[in-house]
């Protein structure tokens, strides 16, 4: 996805603020897409890498509830958890870590280390 690629590029260039904003925007979009799927009553794996989700909060904190799944969502959650922890926003970092833990998989250990 374009948003994730742009966020990674900013991250590699050291522009953490721009990367954070792009990851937040992308995560909110993924959450919104997943919540529309749930609201439509037709939620199932669609082959696009998404799973269950809850409405996001663009520019705000992480959303509560079941997280979206997929490579882009995991990248955003990992980055945002680390960024929030590094900048002293520990409650917000904890929320992102909890979403990662809910996903399971290999990133679960990274989330445990961050929490």
PDB file of N, CA and C in Angstrom:
ATOM      1  N   UNK A   1       0.834  -1.181   0.000  1.00  0.00           N
ATOM      2  CA  UNK A   1       0.000   0.000   0.000  1.00  0.00           C
ATOM      3  C   UNK A   1       0.875   1.239   0.000  1.00  0.00           C
ATOM      4  N   UNK A   2       0.393   2.250  -0.667  1.00  0.00           N
ATOM      5  CA  UNK A   2       1.158   3.467  -0.831  1.00  0.00           C
ATOM      6  C   UNK A   2       1.457   4.136   0.504  1.00  0.00           C
ATOM      7  N   UNK A   3       0.488   4.195   1.410  1.00  0.00           N
ATOM      8  CA  UNK A   3       0.688   4.862   2.695  1.00  0.00           C
ATOM      9  C   UNK A   3       1.779   4.220   3.523  1.00  0.00           C
ATOM     10  N   UNK A   4       1.817   2.901   3.536  1.00  0.00           N
ATOM     11  CA  UNK A   4       2.838   2.194   4.305  1.00  0.00           C
ATOM     12  C   UNK A   4       4.214   2.398   3.685  1.00  0.00           C
ATOM     13  N   UNK A   5       4.299   2.363   2.375  1.00  0.00           N
ATOM     14  CA  UNK A   5       5.587   2.577   1.708  1.00  0.00           C
ATOM     15  C   UNK A   5       6.109   3.979   1.987  1.00  0.00           C
ATOM     16  N   UNK A   6       5.233   4.970   1.931  1.00  0.00           N
ATOM     17  CA  UNK A   6       5.647   6.344   2.217  1.00  0.00           C
ATOM     18  C   UNK A   6       6.087   6.487   3.667  1.00  0.00           C
ATOM     19  N   UNK A   7       5.362   5.859   4.576  1.00  0.00           N
ATOM     20  CA  UNK A   7       5.720   5.929   5.991  1.00  0.00           C
ATOM     21  C   UNK A   7       7.088   5.300   6.221  1.00  0.00           C
ATOM     22  N   UNK A   8       7.347   4.160   5.595  1.00  0.00           N
ATOM     23  CA  UNK A   8       8.646   3.498   5.752  1.00  0.00           C
ATOM     24  C   UNK A   8       9.767   4.356   5.177  1.00  0.00           C
ATOM     25  N   UNK A   9       9.498   5.033   4.080  1.00  0.00           N
ATOM     26  CA  UNK A   9      10.496   5.915   3.487  1.00  0.00           C
ATOM     27  C   UNK A   9      10.837   7.064   4.437  1.00  0.00           C
ATOM     28  N   UNK A  10       9.816   7.685   5.018  1.00  0.00           N
ATOM     29  CA  UNK A  10      10.064   8.754   5.998  1.00  0.00           C
ATOM     30  C   UNK A  10      10.828   8.210   7.198  1.00  0.00           C
ATOM     31  N   UNK A  11      10.471   7.018   7.630  1.00  0.00           N
ATOM     32  CA  UNK A  11      11.138   6.388   8.770  1.00  0.00           C
ATOM     33  C   UNK A  11      12.621   6.173   8.456  1.00  0.00           C
ATOM     34  N   UNK A  12      12.926   5.677   7.266  1.00  0.00           N
ATOM     35  CA  UNK A  12      14.312   5.433   6.867  1.00  0.00           C
ATOM     36  C   UNK A  12      15.107   6.723   6.766  1.00  0.00           C
ATOM     37  N   UNK A  13      14.427   7.793   6.392  1.00  0.00           N
ATOM     38  CA  UNK A  13      15.094   9.090   6.263  1.00  0.00           C
ATOM     39  C   UNK A  13      15.208   9.829   7.590  1.00  0.00           C
ATOM     40  N   UNK A  14      14.648   9.242   8.640  1.00  0.00           N
ATOM     41  CA  UNK A  14      14.759   9.843   9.959  1.00  0.00           C
ATOM     42  C   UNK A  14      13.674  10.835  10.312  1.00  0.00           C
ATOM     43  N   UNK A  15      12.672  10.965   9.468  1.00  0.00           N
ATOM     44  CA  UNK A  15      11.562  11.879   9.749  1.00  0.00           C
ATOM     45  C   UNK A  15      10.462  11.101  10.472  1.00  0.00           C
ATOM     46  N   UNK A  16      10.661  10.906  11.768  1.00  0.00           N
ATOM     47  CA  UNK A  16       9.757  10.080  12.563  1.00  0.00           C
ATOM     48  C   UNK A  16       8.362  10.694  12.689  1.00  0.00           C
ATOM     49  N   UNK A  17       8.285  12.017  12.745  1.00  0.00           N
ATOM     50  CA  UNK A  17       6.972  12.664  12.867  1.00  0.00           C
ATOM     51  C   UNK A  17       6.109  12.423  11.629  1.00  0.00           C
ATOM     52  N   UNK A  18       6.701  12.570  10.452  1.00  0.00           N
ATOM     53  CA  UNK A  18       5.955  12.322   9.215  1.00  0.00           C
ATOM     54  C   UNK A  18       5.579  10.847   9.103  1.00  0.00           C
ATOM     55  N   UNK A  19       6.501   9.972   9.486  1.00  0.00           N
ATOM     56  CA  UNK A  19       6.211   8.531   9.451  1.00  0.00           C
ATOM     57  C   UNK A  19       5.054   8.216  10.393  1.00  0.00           C
ATOM     58  N   UNK A  20       5.074   8.807  11.581  1.00  0.00           N
ATOM     59  CA  UNK A  20       3.999   8.555  12.539  1.00  0.00           C
ATOM     60  C   UNK A  20       2.649   8.989  11.974  1.00  0.00           C
ATOM     61  N   UNK A  21       2.600  10.160  11.387  1.00  0.00           N
ATOM     62  CA  UNK A  21       1.331  10.651  10.845  1.00  0.00           C
ATOM     63  C   UNK A  21       0.822   9.729   9.731  1.00  0.00           C
ATOM     64  N   UNK A  22       1.707   9.271   8.865  1.00  0.00           N
ATOM     65  CA  UNK A  22       1.296   8.387   7.774  1.00  0.00           C
ATOM     66  C   UNK A  22       0.842   7.022   8.297  1.00  0.00           C
ATOM     67  N   UNK A  23       1.558   6.477   9.272  1.00  0.00           N
ATOM     68  CA  UNK A  23       1.139   5.201   9.853  1.00  0.00           C
ATOM     69  C   UNK A  23      -0.218   5.340  10.543  1.00  0.00           C
ATOM     70  N   UNK A  24      -0.428   6.451  11.253  1.00  0.00           N
ATOM     71  CA  UNK A  24      -1.723   6.665  11.916  1.00  0.00           C
ATOM     72  C   UNK A  24      -2.859   6.750  10.888  1.00  0.00           C
ATOM     73  N   UNK A  25      -2.612   7.485   9.836  1.00  0.00           N
ATOM     74  CA  UNK A  25      -3.615   7.639   8.789  1.00  0.00           C
ATOM     75  C   UNK A  25      -3.930   6.301   8.137  1.00  0.00           C
ATOM     76  N   UNK A  26      -2.897   5.538   7.836  1.00  0.00           N
ATOM     77  CA  UNK A  26      -3.099   4.237   7.197  1.00  0.00           C
ATOM     78  C   UNK A  26      -3.828   3.275   8.123  1.00  0.00           C
ATOM     79  N   UNK A  27      -3.451   3.267   9.399  1.00  0.00           N
ATOM     80  CA  UNK A  27      -4.112   2.387  10.365  1.00  0.00           C
ATOM     81  C   UNK A  27      -5.580   2.767  10.524  1.00  0.00           C
ATOM     82  N   UNK A  28      -5.859   4.058  10.577  1.00  0.00           N
ATOM     83  CA  UNK A  28      -7.249   4.511  10.690  1.00  0.00           C
ATOM     84  C   UNK A  28      -8.055   4.088   9.466  1.00  0.00           C
ATOM     85  N   UNK A  29      -7.435   4.163   8.290  1.00  0.00           N
ATOM     86  CA  UNK A  29      -8.114   3.747   7.059  1.00  0.00           C
ATOM     87  C   UNK A  29      -8.400   2.248   7.087  1.00  0.00           C
ATOM     88  N   UNK A  30      -7.423   1.463   7.524  1.00  0.00           N
ATOM     89  CA  UNK A  30      -7.630   0.014   7.622  1.00  0.00           C
ATOM     90  C   UNK A  30      -8.714  -0.320   8.639  1.00  0.00           C
ATOM     91  N   UNK A  31      -8.707   0.377   9.774  1.00  0.00           N
ATOM     92  CA  UNK A  31      -9.741   0.162  10.787  1.00  0.00           C
ATOM     93  C   UNK A  31     -11.118   0.517  10.248  1.00  0.00           C
ATOM     94  N   UNK A  32     -11.189   1.629   9.518  1.00  0.00           N
ATOM     95  CA  UNK A  32     -12.475   2.062   8.961  1.00  0.00           C
ATOM     96  C   UNK A  32     -12.976   1.048   7.943  1.00  0.00           C
ATOM     97  N   UNK A  33     -12.102   0.565   7.105  1.00  0.00           N
ATOM     98  CA  UNK A  33     -12.476  -0.441   6.112  1.00  0.00           C
ATOM     99  C   UNK A  33     -13.008  -1.690   6.805  1.00  0.00           C
ATOM    100  N   UNK A  34     -12.288  -2.144   7.834  1.00  0.00           N
ATOM    101  CA  UNK A  34     -12.707  -3.349   8.552  1.00  0.00           C
ATOM    102  C   UNK A  34     -14.041  -3.141   9.250  1.00  0.00           C
ATOM    103  N   UNK A  35     -14.244  -1.960   9.827  1.00  0.00           N
ATOM    104  CA  UNK A  35     -15.512  -1.714  10.524  1.00  0.00           C
ATOM    105  C   UNK A  35     -16.669  -1.644   9.536  1.00  0.00           C
ATOM    106  N   UNK A  36     -16.433  -1.157   8.329  1.00  0.00           N
ATOM    107  CA  UNK A  36     -17.486  -1.134   7.311  1.00  0.00           C
ATOM    108  C   UNK A  36     -17.839  -2.564   6.904  1.00  0.00           C
ATOM    109  N   UNK A  37     -16.830  -3.430   6.846  1.00  0.00           N
ATOM    110  CA  UNK A  37     -17.078  -4.823   6.505  1.00  0.00           C
ATOM    111  C   UNK A  37     -17.915  -5.489   7.586  1.00  0.00           C
ATOM    112  N   UNK A  38     -17.589  -5.211   8.854  1.00  0.00           N
ATOM    113  CA  UNK A  38     -18.332  -5.781   9.974  1.00  0.00           C
ATOM    114  C   UNK A  38     -19.756  -5.235   9.972  1.00  0.00           C
ATOM    115  N   UNK A  39     -19.921  -3.938   9.786  1.00  0.00           N
ATOM    116  CA  UNK A  39     -21.238  -3.299   9.805  1.00  0.00           C
ATOM    117  C   UNK A  39     -22.113  -3.805   8.666  1.00  0.00           C
ATOM    118  N   UNK A  40     -21.497  -4.149   7.556  1.00  0.00           N
ATOM    119  CA  UNK A  40     -22.248  -4.637   6.417  1.00  0.00           C
ATOM    120  C   UNK A  40     -22.714  -6.071   6.582  1.00  0.00           C
ATOM    121  N   UNK A  41     -22.260  -6.714   7.639  1.00  0.00           N
ATOM    122  CA  UNK A  41     -22.690  -8.085   7.909  1.00  0.00           C
ATOM    123  C   UNK A  41     -22.068  -9.114   6.994  1.00  0.00           C
ATOM    124  N   UNK A  42     -21.119  -8.700   6.199  1.00  0.00           N
ATOM    125  CA  UNK A  42     -20.521  -9.634   5.256  1.00  0.00           C
ATOM    126  C   UNK A  42     -19.060  -9.857   5.579  1.00  0.00           C
ATOM    127  N   UNK A  43     -18.718  -9.776   6.860  1.00  0.00           N
ATOM    128  CA  UNK A  43     -17.313  -9.856   7.194  1.00  0.00           C
ATOM    129  C   UNK A  43     -16.790 -11.278   7.071  1.00  0.00           C
ATOM    130  N   UNK A  44     -15.742 -11.398   6.317  1.00  0.00           N
ATOM    131  CA  UNK A  44     -15.004 -12.644   6.166  1.00  0.00           C
ATOM    132  C   UNK A  44     -13.647 -12.257   5.622  1.00  0.00           C
ATOM    133  N   UNK A  45     -12.730 -13.168   5.623  1.00  0.00           N
ATOM    134  CA  UNK A  45     -11.425 -12.883   5.037  1.00  0.00           C
ATOM    135  C   UNK A  45     -11.650 -12.578   3.563  1.00  0.00           C
ATOM    136  N   UNK A  46     -11.167 -11.430   3.133  1.00  0.00           N
ATOM    137  CA  UNK A  46     -11.434 -10.999   1.772  1.00  0.00           C
ATOM    138  C   UNK A  46     -10.253 -11.200   0.851  1.00  0.00           C
ATOM    139  N   UNK A  47      -9.183 -11.769   1.371  1.00  0.00           N
ATOM    140  CA  UNK A  47      -8.021 -11.973   0.532  1.00  0.00           C
ATOM    141  C   UNK A  47      -7.144 -10.749   0.406  1.00  0.00           C
ATOM    142  N   UNK A  48      -7.503  -9.658   1.109  1.00  0.00           N
ATOM    143  CA  UNK A  48      -6.699  -8.453   1.013  1.00  0.00           C
ATOM    144  C   UNK A  48      -5.829  -8.246   2.241  1.00  0.00           C
ATOM    145  N   UNK A  49      -5.745  -9.242   3.114  1.00  0.00           N
ATOM    146  CA  UNK A  49      -4.872  -9.161   4.266  1.00  0.00           C
ATOM    147  C   UNK A  49      -5.496  -8.522   5.479  1.00  0.00           C
ATOM    148  N   UNK A  50      -6.786  -8.290   5.460  1.00  0.00           N
ATOM    149  CA  UNK A  50      -7.452  -7.668   6.596  1.00  0.00           C
ATOM    150  C   UNK A  50      -8.285  -8.692   7.336  1.00  0.00           C
ATOM    151  N   UNK A  51      -8.479  -8.459   8.608  1.00  0.00           N
ATOM    152  CA  UNK A  51      -9.333  -9.320   9.419  1.00  0.00           C
ATOM    153  C   UNK A  51     -10.321  -8.449  10.166  1.00  0.00           C
ATOM    154  N   UNK A  52     -10.686  -8.821  11.384  1.00  0.00           N
ATOM    155  CA  UNK A  52     -11.653  -8.045  12.144  1.00  0.00           C
ATOM    156  C   UNK A  52     -11.065  -6.699  12.506  1.00  0.00           C
ATOM    157  N   UNK A  53     -11.920  -5.730  12.761  1.00  0.00           N
ATOM    158  CA  UNK A  53     -11.415  -4.424  13.132  1.00  0.00           C
ATOM    159  C   UNK A  53     -12.431  -3.597  13.860  1.00  0.00           C
ATOM    160  N   UNK A  54     -11.959  -2.477  14.379  1.00  0.00           N
ATOM    161  CA  UNK A  54     -12.788  -1.519  15.083  1.00  0.00           C
ATOM    162  C   UNK A  54     -12.537  -0.156  14.476  1.00  0.00           C
ATOM    163  N   UNK A  55     -13.467   0.754  14.601  1.00  0.00           N
ATOM    164  CA  UNK A  55     -13.248   2.068  14.013  1.00  0.00           C
ATOM    165  C   UNK A  55     -11.995   2.726  14.556  1.00  0.00           C
ATOM    166  N   UNK A  56     -11.214   3.353  13.691  1.00  0.00           N
ATOM    167  CA  UNK A  56      -9.996   4.041  14.102  1.00  0.00           C
ATOM    168  C   UNK A  56     -10.273   5.466  14.523  1.00  0.00           C
ATOM    169  N   UNK A  57      -9.248   6.098  15.031  1.00  0.00           N
ATOM    170  CA  UNK A  57      -9.347   7.480  15.446  1.00  0.00           C
ATOM    171  C   UNK A  57      -8.254   8.240  14.731  1.00  0.00           C
ATOM    172  N   UNK A  58      -8.526   8.801  13.549  1.00  0.00           N
ATOM    173  CA  UNK A  58      -7.475   9.475  12.792  1.00  0.00           C
ATOM    174  C   UNK A  58      -6.808  10.552  13.625  1.00  0.00           C
ATOM    175  N   UNK A  59      -5.491  10.493  13.683  1.00  0.00           N
ATOM    176  CA  UNK A  59      -4.733  11.491  14.402  1.00  0.00           C
ATOM    177  C   UNK A  59      -4.795  11.359  15.904  1.00  0.00           C
ATOM    178  N   UNK A  60      -5.560  10.428  16.407  1.00  0.00           N
ATOM    179  CA  UNK A  60      -5.707  10.268  17.848  1.00  0.00           C
ATOM    180  C   UNK A  60      -5.066   8.994  18.320  1.00  0.00           C
ATOM    181  N   UNK A  61      -5.545   8.470  19.400  1.00  0.00           N
ATOM    182  CA  UNK A  61      -4.996   7.261  19.991  1.00  0.00           C
ATOM    183  C   UNK A  61      -5.493   6.034  19.275  1.00  0.00           C
ATOM    184  N   UNK A  62      -4.998   4.890  19.683  1.00  0.00           N
ATOM    185  CA  UNK A  62      -5.416   3.647  19.044  1.00  0.00           C
ATOM    186  C   UNK A  62      -6.865   3.331  19.373  1.00  0.00           C
ATOM    187  N   UNK A  63      -7.512   2.637  18.476  1.00  0.00           N
ATOM    188  CA  UNK A  63      -8.899   2.275  18.734  1.00  0.00           C
ATOM    189  C   UNK A  63      -8.962   1.056  19.637  1.00  0.00           C
ATOM    190  N   UNK A  64     -10.052   0.934  20.344  1.00  0.00           N
ATOM    191  CA  UNK A  64     -10.249  -0.226  21.215  1.00  0.00           C
ATOM    192  C   UNK A  64     -10.880  -1.332  20.399  1.00  0.00           C
ATOM    193  N   UNK A  65     -10.920  -2.517  20.937  1.00  0.00           N
ATOM    194  CA  UNK A  65     -11.590  -3.612  20.260  1.00  0.00           C
ATOM    195  C   UNK A  65     -10.644  -4.434  19.430  1.00  0.00           C
ATOM    196  N   UNK A  66     -11.174  -5.387  18.714  1.00  0.00           N
ATOM    197  CA  UNK A  66     -10.341  -6.278  17.916  1.00  0.00           C
ATOM    198  C   UNK A  66      -9.600  -5.506  16.844  1.00  0.00           C
ATOM    199  N   UNK A  67      -8.323  -5.769  16.669  1.00  0.00           N
ATOM    200  CA  UNK A  67      -7.544  -5.040  15.689  1.00  0.00           C
ATOM    201  C   UNK A  67      -7.708  -5.599  14.281  1.00  0.00           C
ATOM    202  N   UNK A  68      -7.342  -4.781  13.301  1.00  0.00           N
ATOM    203  CA  UNK A  68      -7.291  -5.283  11.935  1.00  0.00           C
ATOM    204  C   UNK A  68      -6.067  -6.168  11.818  1.00  0.00           C
ATOM    205  N   UNK A  69      -6.048  -7.003  10.788  1.00  0.00           N
ATOM    206  CA  UNK A  69      -4.904  -7.870  10.571  1.00  0.00           C
ATOM    207  C   UNK A  69      -4.330  -7.557   9.210  1.00  0.00           C
ATOM    208  N   UNK A  70      -3.097  -7.882   9.022  1.00  0.00           N
ATOM    209  CA  UNK A  70      -2.442  -7.675   7.753  1.00  0.00           C
ATOM    210  C   UNK A  70      -1.078  -7.050   7.959  1.00  0.00           C
ATOM    211  N   UNK A  71      -0.261  -7.157   6.955  1.00  0.00           N
ATOM    212  CA  UNK A  71       1.107  -6.677   7.030  1.00  0.00           C
ATOM    213  C   UNK A  71       1.151  -5.175   7.290  1.00  0.00           C
ATOM    214  N   UNK A  72       0.316  -4.416   6.609  1.00  0.00           N
ATOM    215  CA  UNK A  72       0.322  -2.963   6.788  1.00  0.00           C
ATOM    216  C   UNK A  72      -0.109  -2.574   8.196  1.00  0.00           C
ATOM    217  N   UNK A  73      -1.109  -3.239   8.722  1.00  0.00           N
ATOM    218  CA  UNK A  73      -1.578  -2.937  10.072  1.00  0.00           C
ATOM    219  C   UNK A  73      -0.513  -3.285  11.100  1.00  0.00           C
ATOM    220  N   UNK A  74       0.141  -4.424  10.941  1.00  0.00           N
ATOM    221  CA  UNK A  74       1.185  -4.835  11.876  1.00  0.00           C
ATOM    222  C   UNK A  74       2.345  -3.841  11.839  1.00  0.00           C
ATOM    223  N   UNK A  75       2.756  -3.428  10.632  1.00  0.00           N
ATOM    224  CA  UNK A  75       3.848  -2.451  10.518  1.00  0.00           C
ATOM    225  C   UNK A  75       3.481  -1.152  11.226  1.00  0.00           C
ATOM    226  N   UNK A  76       2.254  -0.691  11.027  1.00  0.00           N
ATOM    227  CA  UNK A  76       1.809   0.545  11.663  1.00  0.00           C
ATOM    228  C   UNK A  76       1.766   0.397  13.176  1.00  0.00           C
ATOM    229  N   UNK A  77       1.202  -0.700  13.665  1.00  0.00           N
ATOM    230  CA  UNK A  77       1.097  -0.912  15.104  1.00  0.00           C
ATOM    231  C   UNK A  77       2.474  -1.008  15.760  1.00  0.00           C
ATOM    232  N   UNK A  78       3.395  -1.722  15.139  1.00  0.00           N
ATOM    233  CA  UNK A  78       4.750  -1.838  15.681  1.00  0.00           C
ATOM    234  C   UNK A  78       5.440  -0.479  15.737  1.00  0.00           C
ATOM    235  N   UNK A  79       5.382   0.243  14.634  1.00  0.00           N
ATOM    236  CA  UNK A  79       6.029   1.556  14.604  1.00  0.00           C
ATOM    237  C   UNK A  79       5.415   2.479  15.651  1.00  0.00           C
ATOM    238  N   UNK A  80       4.090   2.550  15.682  1.00  0.00           N
ATOM    239  CA  UNK A  80       3.416   3.463  16.604  1.00  0.00           C
ATOM    240  C   UNK A  80       3.659   3.086  18.063  1.00  0.00           C
ATOM    241  N   UNK A  81       3.719   1.806  18.373  1.00  0.00           N
ATOM    242  CA  UNK A  81       4.014   1.381  19.740  1.00  0.00           C
ATOM    243  C   UNK A  81       5.418   1.825  20.142  1.00  0.00           C
ATOM    244  N   UNK A  82       6.376   1.609  19.261  1.00  0.00           N
ATOM    245  CA  UNK A  82       7.751   2.018  19.548  1.00  0.00           C
ATOM    246  C   UNK A  82       7.876   3.532  19.644  1.00  0.00           C
ATOM    247  N   UNK A  83       7.260   4.231  18.718  1.00  0.00           N
ATOM    248  CA  UNK A  83       7.339   5.700  18.691  1.00  0.00           C
ATOM    249  C   UNK A  83       6.718   6.298  19.954  1.00  0.00           C
ATOM    250  N   UNK A  84       5.557   5.800  20.334  1.00  0.00           N
ATOM    251  CA  UNK A  84       4.899   6.317  21.537  1.00  0.00           C
ATOM    252  C   UNK A  84       5.722   6.027  22.781  1.00  0.00           C
ATOM    253  N   UNK A  85       6.309   4.855  22.836  1.00  0.00           N
ATOM    254  CA  UNK A  85       7.151   4.517  23.983  1.00  0.00           C
ATOM    255  C   UNK A  85       8.367   5.438  24.033  1.00  0.00           C
ATOM    256  N   UNK A  86       9.000   5.665  22.880  1.00  0.00           N
ATOM    257  CA  UNK A  86      10.198   6.509  22.814  1.00  0.00           C
ATOM    258  C   UNK A  86       9.909   7.963  23.162  1.00  0.00           C
ATOM    259  N   UNK A  87       8.685   8.406  22.918  1.00  0.00           N
ATOM    260  CA  UNK A  87       8.336   9.803  23.178  1.00  0.00           C
ATOM    261  C   UNK A  87       7.572   9.980  24.491  1.00  0.00           C
ATOM    262  N   UNK A  88       7.529   8.931  25.297  1.00  0.00           N
ATOM    263  CA  UNK A  88       6.948   9.038  26.625  1.00  0.00           C
ATOM    264  C   UNK A  88       5.438   8.934  26.698  1.00  0.00           C
ATOM    265  N   UNK A  89       4.802   8.540  25.613  1.00  0.00           N
ATOM    266  CA  UNK A  89       3.346   8.351  25.612  1.00  0.00           C
ATOM    267  C   UNK A  89       3.061   6.882  25.903  1.00  0.00           C
ATOM    268  N   UNK A  90       3.302   6.519  27.152  1.00  0.00           N
ATOM    269  CA  UNK A  90       3.294   5.109  27.533  1.00  0.00           C
ATOM    270  C   UNK A  90       1.917   4.459  27.480  1.00  0.00           C
ATOM    271  N   UNK A  91       0.880   5.183  27.869  1.00  0.00           N
ATOM    272  CA  UNK A  91      -0.472   4.605  27.818  1.00  0.00           C
ATOM    273  C   UNK A  91      -0.866   4.300  26.372  1.00  0.00           C
ATOM    274  N   UNK A  92      -0.523   5.200  25.482  1.00  0.00           N
ATOM    275  CA  UNK A  92      -0.831   4.986  24.070  1.00  0.00           C
ATOM    276  C   UNK A  92      -0.001   3.828  23.504  1.00  0.00           C
ATOM    277  N   UNK A  93       1.261   3.753  23.889  1.00  0.00           N
ATOM    278  CA  UNK A  93       2.121   2.650  23.455  1.00  0.00           C
ATOM    279  C   UNK A  93       1.545   1.324  23.934  1.00  0.00           C
ATOM    280  N   UNK A  94       1.063   1.301  25.166  1.00  0.00           N
ATOM    281  CA  UNK A  94       0.465   0.095  25.724  1.00  0.00           C
ATOM    282  C   UNK A  94      -0.752  -0.341  24.903  1.00  0.00           C
ATOM    283  N   UNK A  95      -1.565   0.611  24.483  1.00  0.00           N
ATOM    284  CA  UNK A  95      -2.751   0.289  23.686  1.00  0.00           C
ATOM    285  C   UNK A  95      -2.367  -0.344  22.350  1.00  0.00           C
ATOM    286  N   UNK A  96      -1.340   0.200  21.706  1.00  0.00           N
ATOM    287  CA  UNK A  96      -0.886  -0.388  20.444  1.00  0.00           C
ATOM    288  C   UNK A  96      -0.324  -1.792  20.677  1.00  0.00           C
ATOM    289  N   UNK A  97       0.417  -1.974  21.773  1.00  0.00           N
ATOM    290  CA  UNK A  97       0.959  -3.299  22.100  1.00  0.00           C
ATOM    291  C   UNK A  97      -0.163  -4.308  22.342  1.00  0.00           C
ATOM    292  N   UNK A  98      -1.216  -3.870  23.012  1.00  0.00           N
ATOM    293  CA  UNK A  98      -2.344  -4.770  23.264  1.00  0.00           C
ATOM    294  C   UNK A  98      -2.988  -5.222  21.958  1.00  0.00           C
ATOM    295  N   UNK A  99      -3.081  -4.324  21.001  1.00  0.00           N
ATOM    296  CA  UNK A  99      -3.626  -4.709  19.692  1.00  0.00           C
ATOM    297  C   UNK A  99      -2.734  -5.741  19.023  1.00  0.00           C
ATOM    298  N   UNK A 100      -1.423  -5.554  19.125  1.00  0.00           N
ATOM    299  CA  UNK A 100      -0.491  -6.527  18.546  1.00  0.00           C
ATOM    300  C   UNK A 100      -0.595  -7.880  19.235  1.00  0.00           C
ATOM    301  N   UNK A 101      -0.726  -7.856  20.551  1.00  0.00           N
ATOM    302  CA  UNK A 101      -0.867  -9.116  21.292  1.00  0.00           C
ATOM    303  C   UNK A 101      -2.129  -9.853  20.888  1.00  0.00           C
ATOM    304  N   UNK A 102      -3.198  -9.112  20.621  1.00  0.00           N
ATOM    305  CA  UNK A 102      -4.454  -9.725  20.185  1.00  0.00           C
ATOM    306  C   UNK A 102      -4.301 -10.428  18.840  1.00  0.00           C
ATOM    307  N   UNK A 103      -3.396  -9.933  18.012  1.00  0.00           N
ATOM    308  CA  UNK A 103      -3.189 -10.534  16.697  1.00  0.00           C
ATOM    309  C   UNK A 103      -2.499 -11.887  16.781  1.00  0.00           C
ATOM    310  N   UNK A 104      -1.636 -12.071  17.775  1.00  0.00           N
ATOM    311  CA  UNK A 104      -0.852 -13.299  17.832  1.00  0.00           C
ATOM    312  C   UNK A 104       0.216 -13.279  16.757  1.00  0.00           C
ATOM    313  N   UNK A 105       0.806 -14.411  16.474  1.00  0.00           N
ATOM    314  CA  UNK A 105       1.817 -14.493  15.431  1.00  0.00           C
ATOM    315  C   UNK A 105       3.190 -14.054  15.908  1.00  0.00           C
ATOM    316  N   UNK A 106       4.132 -13.941  14.986  1.00  0.00           N
ATOM    317  CA  UNK A 106       5.525 -13.662  15.342  1.00  0.00           C
ATOM    318  C   UNK A 106       5.738 -12.280  15.974  1.00  0.00           C
ATOM    319  N   UNK A 107       4.891 -11.326  15.672  1.00  0.00           N
ATOM    320  CA  UNK A 107       5.044  -9.980  16.227  1.00  0.00           C
ATOM    321  C   UNK A 107       4.580  -9.896  17.682  1.00  0.00           C
ATOM    322  N   UNK A 108       3.984 -10.965  18.174  1.00  0.00           N
ATOM    323  CA  UNK A 108       3.498 -10.989  19.562  1.00  0.00           C
ATOM    324  C   UNK A 108       4.663 -10.823  20.543  1.00  0.00           C
ATOM    325  N   UNK A 109       5.790 -11.468  20.261  1.00  0.00           N
ATOM    326  CA  UNK A 109       6.956 -11.374  21.140  1.00  0.00           C
ATOM    327  C   UNK A 109       7.507  -9.946  21.161  1.00  0.00           C
ATOM    328  N   UNK A 110       7.523  -9.298  20.025  1.00  0.00           N
ATOM    329  CA  UNK A 110       7.998  -7.905  19.953  1.00  0.00           C
ATOM    330  C   UNK A 110       7.080  -7.012  20.782  1.00  0.00           C
ATOM    331  N   UNK A 111       5.775  -7.251  20.717  1.00  0.00           N
ATOM    332  CA  UNK A 111       4.825  -6.472  21.494  1.00  0.00           C
ATOM    333  C   UNK A 111       5.031  -6.688  22.984  1.00  0.00           C
ATOM    334  N   UNK A 112       5.306  -7.936  23.371  1.00  0.00           N
ATOM    335  CA  UNK A 112       5.554  -8.221  24.802  1.00  0.00           C
ATOM    336  C   UNK A 112       6.784  -7.452  25.280  1.00  0.00           C
ATOM    337  N   UNK A 113       7.813  -7.402  24.460  1.00  0.00           N
ATOM    338  CA  UNK A 113       9.041  -6.705  24.836  1.00  0.00           C
ATOM    339  C   UNK A 113       8.809  -5.193  24.966  1.00  0.00           C
ATOM    340  N   UNK A 114       7.934  -4.654  24.151  1.00  0.00           N
ATOM    341  CA  UNK A 114       7.639  -3.223  24.194  1.00  0.00           C
ATOM    342  C   UNK A 114       6.744  -2.850  25.367  1.00  0.00           C
ATOM    343  N   UNK A 115       5.850  -3.754  25.743  1.00  0.00           N
ATOM    344  CA  UNK A 115       4.841  -3.442  26.771  1.00  0.00           C
ATOM    345  C   UNK A 115       5.438  -3.274  28.145  1.00  0.00           C
TER     346      UNK A 115
END
